[in-house]
């Protein structure tokens, strides 16, 4: 799971969702998670690969990089979990 963000939006809803106990448990069990600043040129290839055009963008990819799911924009805890579960089958 890759979270693409700009520096300022991460302060809001996204940080609250990721610290929710149920969300944290599911993501820690199912994913290797990391976040990148999509405005950092060091990640331009990845941003382009997953067509990140808005923030935050959550990308779920398999071990080969194949896109399994993509969520653009903030969402609440319930929707976030359903999105992750649907992407992982």
C-alpha atoms as a PDB file:
ATOM      1  CA  UNK A   1       0.000   0.000   0.000  1.00  0.00           C
ATOM      2  CA  UNK A   2       1.372   3.373  -0.991  1.00  0.00           C
ATOM      3  CA  UNK A   3      -0.056   6.656   0.187  1.00  0.00           C
ATOM      4  CA  UNK A   4       0.789   9.554  -2.135  1.00  0.00           C
ATOM      5  CA  UNK A   5       0.435  12.940  -0.515  1.00  0.00           C
ATOM      6  CA  UNK A   6       1.499  16.543  -0.510  1.00  0.00           C
ATOM      7  CA  UNK A   7       2.924  17.883   2.699  1.00  0.00           C
ATOM      8  CA  UNK A   8      -0.120  19.814   3.973  1.00  0.00           C
ATOM      9  CA  UNK A   9      -3.142  17.483   3.407  1.00  0.00           C
ATOM     10  CA  UNK A  10      -1.745  14.671   5.527  1.00  0.00           C
ATOM     11  CA  UNK A  11      -2.544  16.683   8.628  1.00  0.00           C
ATOM     12  CA  UNK A  12      -6.310  16.123   8.289  1.00  0.00           C
ATOM     13  CA  UNK A  13      -8.584  13.139   7.859  1.00  0.00           C
ATOM     14  CA  UNK A  14      -5.941  10.794   6.459  1.00  0.00           C
ATOM     15  CA  UNK A  15      -3.827  10.851   9.598  1.00  0.00           C
ATOM     16  CA  UNK A  16      -6.941  10.140  11.716  1.00  0.00           C
ATOM     17  CA  UNK A  17      -7.971   7.150   9.593  1.00  0.00           C
ATOM     18  CA  UNK A  18      -4.520   5.561   9.710  1.00  0.00           C
ATOM     19  CA  UNK A  19      -4.366   5.792  13.497  1.00  0.00           C
ATOM     20  CA  UNK A  20      -7.724   4.052  13.953  1.00  0.00           C
ATOM     21  CA  UNK A  21      -7.090   0.719  15.737  1.00  0.00           C
ATOM     22  CA  UNK A  22      -9.091  -1.410  13.255  1.00  0.00           C
ATOM     23  CA  UNK A  23      -7.521   0.245  10.224  1.00  0.00           C
ATOM     24  CA  UNK A  24      -4.023  -0.076  11.685  1.00  0.00           C
ATOM     25  CA  UNK A  25      -4.562  -3.757  12.519  1.00  0.00           C
ATOM     26  CA  UNK A  26      -5.839  -4.613   9.026  1.00  0.00           C
ATOM     27  CA  UNK A  27      -3.133  -2.682   7.202  1.00  0.00           C
ATOM     28  CA  UNK A  28      -0.342  -4.037   9.411  1.00  0.00           C
ATOM     29  CA  UNK A  29      -1.514  -7.601   8.758  1.00  0.00           C
ATOM     30  CA  UNK A  30      -2.087  -7.266   4.998  1.00  0.00           C
ATOM     31  CA  UNK A  31       0.338  -4.688   3.638  1.00  0.00           C
ATOM     32  CA  UNK A  32       3.785  -3.243   3.683  1.00  0.00           C
ATOM     33  CA  UNK A  33       2.716   0.379   3.902  1.00  0.00           C
ATOM     34  CA  UNK A  34       4.647   3.519   3.145  1.00  0.00           C
ATOM     35  CA  UNK A  35       3.905   7.065   2.194  1.00  0.00           C
ATOM     36  CA  UNK A  36       5.658   9.373  -0.186  1.00  0.00           C
ATOM     37  CA  UNK A  37       5.537  13.065  -0.857  1.00  0.00           C
ATOM     38  CA  UNK A  38       4.298  12.955  -4.450  1.00  0.00           C
ATOM     39  CA  UNK A  39       5.735  16.398  -5.099  1.00  0.00           C
ATOM     40  CA  UNK A  40       9.257  15.114  -4.440  1.00  0.00           C
ATOM     41  CA  UNK A  41      10.947  14.582  -7.816  1.00  0.00           C
ATOM     42  CA  UNK A  42      12.628  11.438  -6.464  1.00  0.00           C
ATOM     43  CA  UNK A  43       9.253   9.681  -6.763  1.00  0.00           C
ATOM     44  CA  UNK A  44       8.264  11.013 -10.211  1.00  0.00           C
ATOM     45  CA  UNK A  45       8.400   7.568 -11.829  1.00  0.00           C
ATOM     46  CA  UNK A  46       6.061   6.057  -9.270  1.00  0.00           C
ATOM     47  CA  UNK A  47       3.681   9.025  -9.352  1.00  0.00           C
ATOM     48  CA  UNK A  48       3.521   8.704 -13.134  1.00  0.00           C
ATOM     49  CA  UNK A  49       3.126   4.914 -13.060  1.00  0.00           C
ATOM     50  CA  UNK A  50       0.037   5.092 -10.863  1.00  0.00           C
ATOM     51  CA  UNK A  51      -1.268   8.284 -12.484  1.00  0.00           C
ATOM     52  CA  UNK A  52      -1.396  10.256  -9.247  1.00  0.00           C
ATOM     53  CA  UNK A  53      -3.011  13.602 -10.014  1.00  0.00           C
ATOM     54  CA  UNK A  54      -4.686  14.518  -6.714  1.00  0.00           C
ATOM     55  CA  UNK A  55      -3.904  14.117  -3.036  1.00  0.00           C
ATOM     56  CA  UNK A  56      -4.184  12.085  -1.007  1.00  0.00           C
ATOM     57  CA  UNK A  57      -4.105   9.049  -3.308  1.00  0.00           C
ATOM     58  CA  UNK A  58      -3.942   5.577  -1.824  1.00  0.00           C
ATOM     59  CA  UNK A  59      -2.510   2.892  -4.107  1.00  0.00           C
ATOM     60  CA  UNK A  60      -2.680  -0.815  -3.368  1.00  0.00           C
ATOM     61  CA  UNK A  61      -0.344  -2.854  -5.541  1.00  0.00           C
ATOM     62  CA  UNK A  62       0.853  -6.432  -5.478  1.00  0.00           C
ATOM     63  CA  UNK A  63       4.473  -7.474  -5.102  1.00  0.00           C
ATOM     64  CA  UNK A  64       5.085  -6.931  -8.838  1.00  0.00           C
ATOM     65  CA  UNK A  65       3.651  -3.416  -8.756  1.00  0.00           C
ATOM     66  CA  UNK A  66       0.372  -4.383 -10.448  1.00  0.00           C
ATOM     67  CA  UNK A  67      -2.356  -1.973  -9.386  1.00  0.00           C
ATOM     68  CA  UNK A  68      -5.024  -3.687  -7.274  1.00  0.00           C
ATOM     69  CA  UNK A  69      -6.859  -0.587  -6.088  1.00  0.00           C
ATOM     70  CA  UNK A  70      -6.650   3.179  -6.046  1.00  0.00           C
ATOM     71  CA  UNK A  71      -8.530   5.642  -3.858  1.00  0.00           C
ATOM     72  CA  UNK A  72      -8.288   9.339  -4.650  1.00  0.00           C
ATOM     73  CA  UNK A  73      -9.268  11.753  -1.892  1.00  0.00           C
ATOM     74  CA  UNK A  74      -9.892  11.385   1.795  1.00  0.00           C
ATOM     75  CA  UNK A  75     -12.512   8.977   3.074  1.00  0.00           C
ATOM     76  CA  UNK A  76     -13.854   7.849   6.410  1.00  0.00           C
ATOM     77  CA  UNK A  77     -12.674   4.817   8.331  1.00  0.00           C
ATOM     78  CA  UNK A  78     -15.472   2.517   7.200  1.00  0.00           C
ATOM     79  CA  UNK A  79     -15.039   3.253   3.496  1.00  0.00           C
ATOM     80  CA  UNK A  80     -11.257   3.015   3.810  1.00  0.00           C
ATOM     81  CA  UNK A  81     -11.449  -0.509   5.259  1.00  0.00           C
ATOM     82  CA  UNK A  82     -13.967  -1.647   2.624  1.00  0.00           C
ATOM     83  CA  UNK A  83     -11.721  -0.275  -0.126  1.00  0.00           C
ATOM     84  CA  UNK A  84      -8.687  -2.128   1.237  1.00  0.00           C
ATOM     85  CA  UNK A  85     -10.636  -5.366   1.694  1.00  0.00           C
ATOM     86  CA  UNK A  86     -12.025  -5.231  -1.849  1.00  0.00           C
ATOM     87  CA  UNK A  87      -8.558  -4.628  -3.295  1.00  0.00           C
ATOM     88  CA  UNK A  88      -7.153  -7.673  -1.499  1.00  0.00           C
ATOM     89  CA  UNK A  89     -10.029 -10.001  -2.316  1.00  0.00           C
END
